[in-house]
Amino acid sequence: MPDNLAFSPDAETRGPADMQAEPAWLMPAEWSEPLAERLIQSFSRWAGVAAFVGATGALAWLIFG
């Protein structure tokens, strides 16, 4: 490893305290965002949950049915 390399902190670099934070998909939308954007995010999350449950049920039906 060359000795002349230096570490440059990025804006994306996180500290150890941030690693223990909640996942981003569990965090609520910021109140500063428009209502339409918050509704779209909420619908998208619930659609993803419904798709996962449906796919899991279909897979179980194929395997055990």
Protein backbone atom coordinates (compact mmCIF):
# COMPACT_ATOMS: atom_id res chain seq x y z
CA MET A 1 0.00 0.00 0.00
CA PRO A 2 1.52 3.35 -0.95
CA ASP A 3 2.32 5.66 1.92
CA ASN A 4 1.31 8.81 0.06
CA LEU A 5 -2.45 8.08 0.05
CA ALA A 6 -4.57 10.25 2.30
CA PHE A 7 -8.09 9.75 3.57
CA SER A 8 -10.59 12.31 2.33
CA PRO A 9 -13.90 12.39 4.20
CA ASP A 10 -16.95 12.42 1.94
CA ALA A 11 -20.38 13.83 2.54
CA GLU A 12 -21.58 10.21 2.35
CA THR A 13 -19.26 9.02 5.10
CA ARG A 14 -21.13 8.09 8.24
CA GLY A 15 -19.94 7.85 11.78
CA PRO A 16 -20.54 4.88 14.08
CA ALA A 17 -23.53 6.59 15.72
CA ASP A 18 -25.29 6.93 12.36
CA MET A 19 -24.87 3.23 11.63
CA GLN A 20 -27.24 2.41 14.50
CA ALA A 21 -29.95 4.76 13.24
CA GLU A 22 -33.30 3.61 11.87
CA PRO A 23 -33.37 2.48 8.23
CA ALA A 24 -34.36 5.25 5.84
CA TRP A 25 -37.50 3.46 4.66
CA LEU A 26 -38.89 3.47 8.21
CA MET A 27 -38.35 7.18 8.67
CA PRO A 28 -41.39 9.37 8.06
CA ALA A 29 -41.31 11.94 5.29
CA GLU A 30 -40.18 15.41 6.27
CA TRP A 31 -42.98 17.81 7.11
CA SER A 32 -41.42 20.33 4.76
CA GLU A 33 -42.19 18.09 1.77
CA PRO A 34 -45.41 18.75 -0.13
CA LEU A 35 -48.49 16.73 0.80
CA ALA A 36 -48.63 15.10 -2.64
CA GLU A 37 -45.05 13.83 -2.27
CA ARG A 38 -45.80 12.39 1.17
CA LEU A 39 -48.92 10.64 -0.17
CA ILE A 40 -46.96 9.16 -3.07
CA GLN A 41 -44.26 7.87 -0.72
CA SER A 42 -46.84 6.40 1.63
CA PHE A 43 -48.75 4.69 -1.19
CA SER A 44 -45.51 3.35 -2.63
CA ARG A 45 -44.48 1.82 0.69
CA TRP A 46 -47.87 0.16 1.23
CA ALA A 47 -47.94 -1.08 -2.39
CA GLY A 48 -44.54 -2.68 -1.80
CA VAL A 49 -45.76 -4.37 1.37
CA ALA A 50 -48.90 -5.63 -0.42
CA ALA A 51 -46.84 -6.93 -3.35
CA PHE A 52 -44.51 -8.79 -0.98
CA VAL A 53 -47.42 -10.36 0.91
CA GLY A 54 -49.11 -11.33 -2.36
CA ALA A 55 -45.95 -12.86 -3.78
CA THR A 56 -45.31 -14.77 -0.55
CA GLY A 57 -48.89 -16.08 -0.57
CA ALA A 58 -48.65 -17.10 -4.23
CA LEU A 59 -45.38 -18.89 -3.59
CA ALA A 60 -46.86 -20.71 -0.58
CA TRP A 61 -49.90 -21.68 -2.68
CA LEU A 62 -47.64 -23.08 -5.40
CA ILE A 63 -45.49 -25.02 -2.96
CA PHE A 64 -48.14 -26.33 -0.56
CA GLY A 65 -51.28 -26.17 -2.73
